[in-house]
């Protein structure tokens, strides 16, 4: 009645009382249809549909407020539906859940909007590039590590699949015993936290890129690796498996074990520790037992590193004996 009283007692000029009466009646009916009293505007509105992630269904995801003074709490009402499934919550169910978990006074009678909320999961399409990147990152971390940069390519078309629009992890469940090869088949699973998304098997081509040492000019056996004319080029380590990767300009203990033509890679077999004693040299052979010590000159018949046992020969008697390399000048004779 107060709407009609307001119309008849207003002092402002009115062109058409019928128009004003119709407007007032429309406002009253709209308020009544929304489930709110005619003298109190609705502050909360239920959405007909909502999308959530795996953490659950929260109040602020299924309802909106028109009153800035009403703060919606971070209230978890129920578990999220499974991937590809749908959950439905009626207004009465939501009211009961709010009263159960938030009994502090959030208004539950002055609501408008849908009578039921249809809840689904947020999803996206996992396409070829996304899947390749996920799988490559997992194999890089677990298998390749710091050997180089892994590049993968599927040899069979990847059919896009629907997955949760959340962070995904890949678990490799089957890989060749030799690890990542130029061509292999890998079986893997996709997980979203503890939620299993699916299992797949894919044939792939792989490359592991890394800068490796290359002879810039011809290198001679016996030269120090530190002084060699070497450049670095990016190569696939799955093709150049024996490439020498521990090159450092500061290491003076390494030398070339073979001649290397220009343009060829420096391989593991191409490098060795520089011997402390070289074959054909006369060094001091020392025999010691208790307080007895005998020293004589012996000829080395092999190259030797410190601590290594090599053959030596007495130049007078031509007898071959064994000695342990102590340093560049001394061999400890063992009988």
Protein backbone atom coordinates (compact mmCIF):
# COMPACT_ATOMS: atom_id res chain seq x y z
CA UNK A 1 0.00 0.00 0.00
CA UNK A 2 2.86 2.38 0.65
CA UNK A 3 3.68 2.43 -3.08
CA UNK A 4 0.20 3.69 -3.92
CA UNK A 5 0.28 6.21 -1.08
CA UNK A 6 3.60 7.52 -2.36
CA UNK A 7 2.06 8.03 -5.79
CA UNK A 8 -1.15 9.83 -4.63
CA UNK A 9 0.48 12.04 -2.00
CA UNK A 10 3.48 13.22 -4.01
CA UNK A 11 3.55 16.96 -4.70
CA UNK A 12 5.36 16.60 -8.01
CA UNK A 13 3.25 16.92 -11.17
CA UNK A 14 2.11 13.55 -12.50
CA UNK A 15 1.24 13.14 -16.18
CA UNK A 16 -0.36 9.74 -15.91
CA UNK A 17 -1.34 8.00 -12.71
CA UNK A 18 -1.93 4.79 -14.67
CA UNK A 19 1.70 4.67 -15.83
CA UNK A 20 2.99 5.14 -12.29
CA UNK A 21 0.64 2.50 -10.91
CA UNK A 22 1.77 0.02 -13.56
CA UNK A 23 5.47 0.70 -12.78
CA UNK A 24 4.96 0.21 -9.06
CA UNK A 25 3.09 -3.02 -9.63
CA UNK A 26 5.87 -4.32 -11.92
CA UNK A 27 8.53 -3.61 -9.26
CA UNK A 28 6.51 -5.39 -6.60
CA UNK A 29 5.93 -8.42 -8.81
CA UNK A 30 9.60 -8.65 -9.79
CA UNK A 31 10.66 -8.62 -6.14
CA UNK A 32 8.13 -11.26 -5.29
CA UNK A 33 9.25 -13.47 -8.20
CA UNK A 34 12.87 -13.35 -7.00
CA UNK A 35 11.89 -14.71 -3.62
CA UNK A 36 12.56 -11.47 -1.72
CA UNK A 37 10.06 -9.43 0.27
CA UNK A 38 8.57 -6.50 -1.63
CA UNK A 39 10.12 -4.00 0.77
CA UNK A 40 13.64 -5.58 0.80
CA UNK A 41 15.89 -5.92 -2.27
CA UNK A 42 17.55 -9.29 -2.96
CA UNK A 43 21.27 -9.28 -2.09
CA UNK A 44 22.41 -12.78 -3.13
CA UNK A 45 21.80 -14.49 -6.45
CA UNK A 46 22.38 -18.15 -7.26
CA UNK A 47 23.99 -18.87 -10.62
CA UNK A 48 22.39 -21.49 -12.86
CA UNK A 49 25.80 -22.97 -13.77
CA UNK A 50 29.29 -22.89 -12.31
CA UNK A 51 32.67 -24.41 -13.08
CA UNK A 52 35.11 -25.42 -10.36
CA UNK A 53 38.48 -27.09 -9.97
CA UNK A 54 39.44 -30.22 -8.05
CA UNK A 55 39.68 -28.41 -4.71
CA UNK A 56 35.89 -28.42 -4.29
CA UNK A 57 32.71 -26.38 -4.67
CA UNK A 58 32.95 -23.03 -2.88
CA UNK A 59 30.15 -20.63 -2.06
CA UNK A 60 31.66 -17.69 -3.94
CA UNK A 61 31.74 -19.81 -7.12
CA UNK A 62 27.98 -20.45 -7.26
CA UNK A 63 26.59 -17.20 -5.89
CA UNK A 64 27.05 -13.49 -6.49
CA UNK A 65 26.11 -10.53 -4.30
CA UNK A 66 24.75 -7.12 -5.22
CA UNK A 67 25.31 -5.70 -1.77
CA UNK A 68 28.93 -4.57 -1.18
CA UNK A 69 28.36 -4.83 2.56
CA UNK A 70 27.83 -8.59 2.28
CA UNK A 71 31.19 -10.42 2.22
CA UNK A 72 31.03 -13.97 0.93
CA UNK A 73 33.25 -16.30 3.00
CA UNK A 74 35.67 -18.79 1.42
CA UNK A 75 33.27 -21.56 2.31
CA UNK A 76 33.72 -25.05 0.86
CA UNK A 77 30.30 -26.63 0.44
CA UNK A 78 31.09 -29.99 -1.19
CA UNK A 79 33.64 -32.00 -3.15
CA UNK A 80 34.12 -31.19 -6.81
CA UNK A 81 32.55 -33.55 -9.35
CA UNK A 82 34.84 -35.94 -11.18
CA UNK A 83 36.22 -35.07 -14.59
CA UNK A 84 33.35 -35.32 -17.10
CA UNK A 85 30.72 -35.55 -14.34
CA UNK A 86 28.10 -33.06 -13.12
CA UNK A 87 26.94 -32.14 -9.63
CA UNK A 88 23.60 -30.42 -8.94
CA UNK A 89 22.87 -28.41 -5.81
CA UNK A 90 19.38 -27.12 -5.08
CA UNK A 91 18.76 -23.86 -3.28
CA UNK A 92 17.57 -25.74 -0.21
CA UNK A 93 20.70 -27.91 -0.17
CA UNK A 94 22.92 -24.86 -0.44
CA UNK A 95 21.00 -23.17 2.36
CA UNK A 96 21.47 -26.18 4.61
CA UNK A 97 25.20 -26.35 3.83
CA UNK A 98 25.67 -22.64 4.50
CA UNK A 99 23.81 -22.88 7.80
CA UNK A 100 25.89 -25.94 8.71
CA UNK A 101 29.32 -24.54 7.90
CA UNK A 102 28.69 -20.83 8.36
CA UNK A 103 26.12 -20.35 11.16
CA UNK A 104 27.36 -16.81 11.87
CA UNK A 105 24.51 -15.03 10.14
CA UNK A 106 24.98 -15.03 6.36
CA UNK A 107 21.48 -14.26 4.99
CA UNK A 108 19.91 -17.34 3.43
CA UNK A 109 16.30 -16.21 2.97
CA UNK A 110 16.79 -13.21 0.73
CA UNK A 111 18.16 -15.03 -2.31
CA UNK A 112 17.28 -14.78 -5.97
CA UNK A 113 18.40 -16.48 -9.16
CA UNK A 114 18.31 -20.15 -10.08
CA UNK A 115 16.57 -22.79 -8.02
CA UNK A 116 19.37 -25.26 -8.81
CA UNK A 117 23.05 -24.87 -9.64
CA UNK A 118 24.66 -27.19 -12.18
CA UNK A 119 28.36 -27.63 -11.31
CA UNK A 120 30.99 -29.00 -13.70
CA UNK A 121 34.79 -29.05 -13.82
CA UNK A 122 36.90 -26.45 -15.57
CA UNK A 123 38.60 -28.22 -18.47
CA UNK A 124 40.78 -27.54 -21.47
CA UNK A 125 42.04 -29.41 -24.51
CA UNK A 126 45.51 -30.94 -24.19
CA UNK A 127 46.93 -30.60 -27.70
CA UNK A 128 50.07 -32.04 -29.28
CA UNK A 129 52.40 -29.17 -28.34
CA UNK A 130 51.24 -29.14 -24.71
CA UNK A 131 51.63 -32.91 -24.33
CA UNK A 132 55.08 -32.93 -25.95
CA UNK A 133 56.22 -30.16 -23.63
CA UNK A 134 54.92 -31.93 -20.51
CA UNK A 135 56.52 -35.25 -21.44
CA UNK A 136 59.83 -33.65 -22.46
CA UNK A 137 60.02 -31.73 -19.17
CA UNK A 138 59.49 -34.96 -17.20
CA UNK A 139 62.11 -36.93 -19.15
CA UNK A 140 64.54 -34.01 -18.92
CA UNK A 141 64.19 -33.92 -15.14
CA UNK A 142 64.21 -37.67 -14.51
CA UNK A 143 66.41 -39.17 -17.27
CA UNK A 144 68.42 -36.63 -19.26
CA UNK A 145 69.11 -34.24 -16.34
CA UNK A 146 72.09 -31.97 -17.12
CA UNK A 147 73.42 -33.92 -20.11
CA UNK A 148 71.80 -31.53 -22.56
CA UNK A 149 68.54 -30.07 -23.81
CA UNK A 150 65.95 -32.70 -24.71
CA UNK A 151 63.81 -32.30 -27.82
CA UNK A 152 60.86 -34.67 -28.42
CA UNK A 153 58.65 -35.28 -31.41
CA UNK A 154 55.67 -37.65 -31.59
CA UNK A 155 55.78 -39.97 -34.60
CA UNK A 156 52.08 -40.83 -34.26
CA UNK A 157 49.42 -38.08 -34.25
CA UNK A 158 48.33 -37.06 -30.78
CA UNK A 159 44.55 -36.84 -30.46
CA UNK A 160 43.61 -33.87 -28.22
CA UNK A 161 42.08 -34.93 -24.92
CA UNK A 162 39.98 -33.10 -22.36
CA UNK A 163 41.88 -32.55 -19.12
CA UNK A 164 41.34 -30.44 -15.97
CA UNK A 165 42.28 -26.81 -16.44
CA UNK A 166 44.81 -27.13 -13.64
CA UNK A 167 48.53 -27.94 -13.29
CA UNK A 168 49.23 -31.43 -14.64
CA UNK A 169 52.08 -33.86 -13.97
CA UNK A 170 53.35 -36.74 -16.09
CA UNK A 171 54.47 -40.06 -14.60
CA UNK A 172 56.62 -42.21 -16.90
CA UNK A 173 55.75 -45.86 -16.27
CA UNK A 174 57.74 -47.57 -19.05
CA UNK A 175 60.97 -46.49 -20.73
CA UNK A 176 63.69 -48.51 -22.53
CA UNK A 177 66.35 -49.94 -20.21
CA UNK A 178 68.93 -47.79 -21.99
CA UNK A 179 66.91 -44.65 -21.27
CA UNK A 180 66.21 -41.98 -23.87
CA UNK A 181 67.16 -43.18 -27.38
CA UNK A 182 66.87 -41.56 -30.82
CA UNK A 183 63.64 -43.53 -31.33
CA UNK A 184 61.64 -45.31 -28.63
CA UNK A 185 58.18 -45.95 -27.22
CA UNK A 186 57.20 -44.41 -23.89
CA UNK A 187 54.21 -45.23 -21.68
CA UNK A 188 53.05 -42.54 -19.29
CA UNK A 189 50.19 -41.36 -17.10
CA UNK A 190 48.79 -37.88 -16.54
CA UNK A 191 47.83 -36.81 -13.03
CA UNK A 192 46.17 -33.77 -11.54
CA UNK A 193 47.39 -34.00 -7.96
CA UNK A 194 45.94 -37.32 -6.76
CA UNK A 195 43.43 -37.45 -9.60
CA UNK A 196 44.32 -39.89 -12.37
CA UNK A 197 43.49 -38.33 -15.74
CA UNK A 198 44.55 -41.20 -18.04
CA UNK A 199 47.27 -43.45 -19.48
CA UNK A 200 48.85 -43.32 -22.93
CA UNK A 201 51.60 -44.90 -25.05
CA UNK A 202 53.43 -42.92 -27.71
CA UNK A 203 56.34 -43.59 -30.13
CA UNK A 204 58.72 -40.65 -30.13
CA UNK A 205 61.86 -39.30 -31.76
CA UNK A 206 64.38 -37.71 -29.41
CA UNK A 207 67.41 -35.45 -29.62
CA UNK A 208 69.64 -34.17 -26.83
CA UNK A 209 71.32 -30.95 -27.85
CA UNK A 210 74.58 -29.75 -26.34
CA UNK A 211 77.72 -27.85 -27.33
CA UNK A 212 80.59 -30.33 -27.77
CA UNK A 213 84.31 -29.76 -28.54
CA UNK A 214 85.29 -29.99 -32.21
CA UNK A 215 88.84 -29.94 -33.63
CA UNK A 216 89.11 -26.58 -35.40
CA UNK A 217 92.37 -27.67 -37.00
CA UNK A 218 94.30 -30.97 -37.06
CA UNK A 219 95.39 -32.06 -33.58
CA UNK A 220 98.44 -34.20 -32.79
CA UNK A 221 98.69 -37.05 -30.32
CA UNK A 222 100.46 -36.10 -27.08
CA UNK A 223 99.55 -32.41 -27.21
CA UNK A 224 97.94 -30.80 -24.18
CA UNK A 225 94.19 -30.60 -24.52
CA UNK A 226 94.35 -27.17 -22.89
CA UNK A 227 96.41 -25.82 -25.80
CA UNK A 228 94.50 -27.57 -28.59
CA UNK A 229 92.72 -25.55 -31.32
CA UNK A 230 89.16 -26.45 -30.38
CA UNK A 231 85.77 -24.84 -31.08
CA UNK A 232 82.32 -25.75 -29.75
CA UNK A 233 79.34 -26.69 -31.89
CA UNK A 234 75.79 -27.73 -31.03
CA UNK A 235 75.27 -31.45 -31.72
CA UNK A 236 72.86 -34.22 -30.85
CA UNK A 237 74.42 -36.29 -28.06
CA UNK A 238 72.33 -39.31 -29.04
CA UNK A 239 74.36 -39.35 -32.26
CA UNK A 240 77.65 -38.25 -30.65
CA UNK A 241 77.36 -40.43 -27.53
CA UNK A 242 81.14 -40.59 -26.95
CA UNK A 243 81.74 -36.84 -27.12
CA UNK A 244 84.14 -35.60 -24.43
CA UNK A 245 82.02 -33.32 -22.23
CA UNK A 246 84.46 -32.49 -19.43
CA UNK A 247 86.62 -30.08 -21.41
CA UNK A 248 88.16 -27.20 -19.46
CA UNK A 249 90.90 -24.79 -20.49
CA UNK A 250 92.31 -24.78 -16.96
CA UNK A 251 93.13 -28.53 -16.82
CA UNK A 252 96.80 -29.16 -17.66
CA UNK A 253 96.68 -32.87 -16.76
CA UNK A 254 94.92 -33.97 -19.96
CA UNK A 255 96.48 -34.70 -23.33
CA UNK A 256 95.37 -36.05 -26.69
CA UNK A 257 95.62 -39.83 -27.02
CA UNK A 258 95.30 -39.84 -30.83
CA UNK A 259 95.57 -37.64 -33.89
CA UNK A 260 92.30 -35.86 -34.70
CA UNK A 261 91.57 -34.37 -38.15
CA UNK A 262 89.96 -30.94 -38.36
CA UNK A 263 86.18 -30.92 -38.07
CA UNK A 264 85.84 -34.12 -36.01
CA UNK A 265 84.57 -34.18 -32.40
CA UNK A 266 86.84 -34.78 -29.42
CA UNK A 267 85.75 -38.16 -28.06
CA UNK A 268 86.31 -39.74 -24.65
CA UNK A 269 88.88 -42.12 -26.13
CA UNK A 270 90.71 -39.14 -27.65
CA UNK A 271 91.67 -37.79 -24.22
CA UNK A 272 93.75 -39.28 -21.43
CA UNK A 273 95.57 -38.23 -18.29
CA UNK A 274 99.05 -36.94 -19.06
CA UNK A 275 101.52 -39.64 -17.82
CA UNK A 276 103.92 -38.74 -15.03
CA UNK A 277 106.47 -41.14 -16.54
CA UNK A 278 106.78 -41.90 -20.24
CA UNK A 279 108.02 -45.05 -21.93
CA UNK A 280 111.77 -45.25 -22.67
CA UNK A 281 112.97 -42.98 -19.87
CA UNK A 282 115.64 -43.76 -17.26
CA UNK A 283 114.27 -43.17 -13.79
CA UNK A 284 115.26 -43.99 -10.23
CA UNK A 285 114.11 -47.45 -9.15
CA UNK A 286 113.92 -47.78 -5.37
CA UNK A 287 113.61 -51.08 -3.49
CA UNK A 288 112.97 -50.84 0.23
CA UNK A 289 112.34 -53.53 2.83
CA UNK A 290 112.47 -52.50 6.47
CA UNK A 291 115.64 -50.47 6.98
CA UNK A 292 117.20 -51.85 3.78
CA UNK A 293 117.01 -49.51 0.78
CA UNK A 294 118.47 -50.14 -2.68
CA UNK A 295 118.41 -47.63 -5.54
CA UNK A 296 119.25 -48.24 -9.20
CA UNK A 297 118.52 -46.80 -12.62
CA UNK A 298 115.75 -48.56 -14.56
CA UNK A 299 114.27 -48.06 -18.00
CA UNK A 300 110.49 -47.55 -18.21
CA UNK A 301 108.73 -49.84 -20.69
CA UNK A 302 105.29 -48.17 -20.33
CA UNK A 303 103.75 -44.80 -19.68
CA UNK A 304 102.53 -44.49 -16.13
CA UNK A 305 100.42 -42.28 -13.89
CA UNK A 306 101.17 -41.75 -10.17
CA UNK A 307 100.16 -44.91 -8.26
CA UNK A 308 100.07 -47.05 -11.40
CA UNK A 309 102.10 -50.30 -11.71
CA UNK A 310 104.26 -50.37 -14.84
CA UNK A 311 106.96 -52.60 -16.31
CA UNK A 312 110.57 -51.43 -16.00
CA UNK A 313 113.88 -53.05 -17.00
CA UNK A 314 117.34 -53.19 -15.47
CA UNK A 315 119.53 -51.88 -18.33
CA UNK A 316 122.50 -53.95 -17.12
CA UNK A 317 120.86 -57.34 -16.57
CA UNK A 318 117.99 -56.77 -19.07
CA UNK A 319 115.67 -58.24 -16.45
CA UNK A 320 112.10 -56.93 -16.47
CA UNK A 321 110.51 -56.10 -13.13
CA UNK A 322 107.48 -54.14 -11.96
CA UNK A 323 107.40 -50.79 -10.22
CA UNK A 324 104.82 -48.41 -8.81
CA UNK A 325 105.03 -44.84 -10.13
CA UNK A 326 105.78 -42.39 -7.33
CA UNK A 327 106.43 -39.24 -9.35
CA UNK A 328 108.14 -38.16 -12.59
CA UNK A 329 111.56 -39.41 -11.41
CA UNK A 330 110.88 -42.35 -9.08
CA UNK A 331 109.48 -45.86 -9.32
CA UNK A 332 109.10 -48.11 -6.25
CA UNK A 333 110.35 -51.60 -7.22
CA UNK A 334 108.20 -54.54 -6.22
CA UNK A 335 109.62 -58.07 -6.21
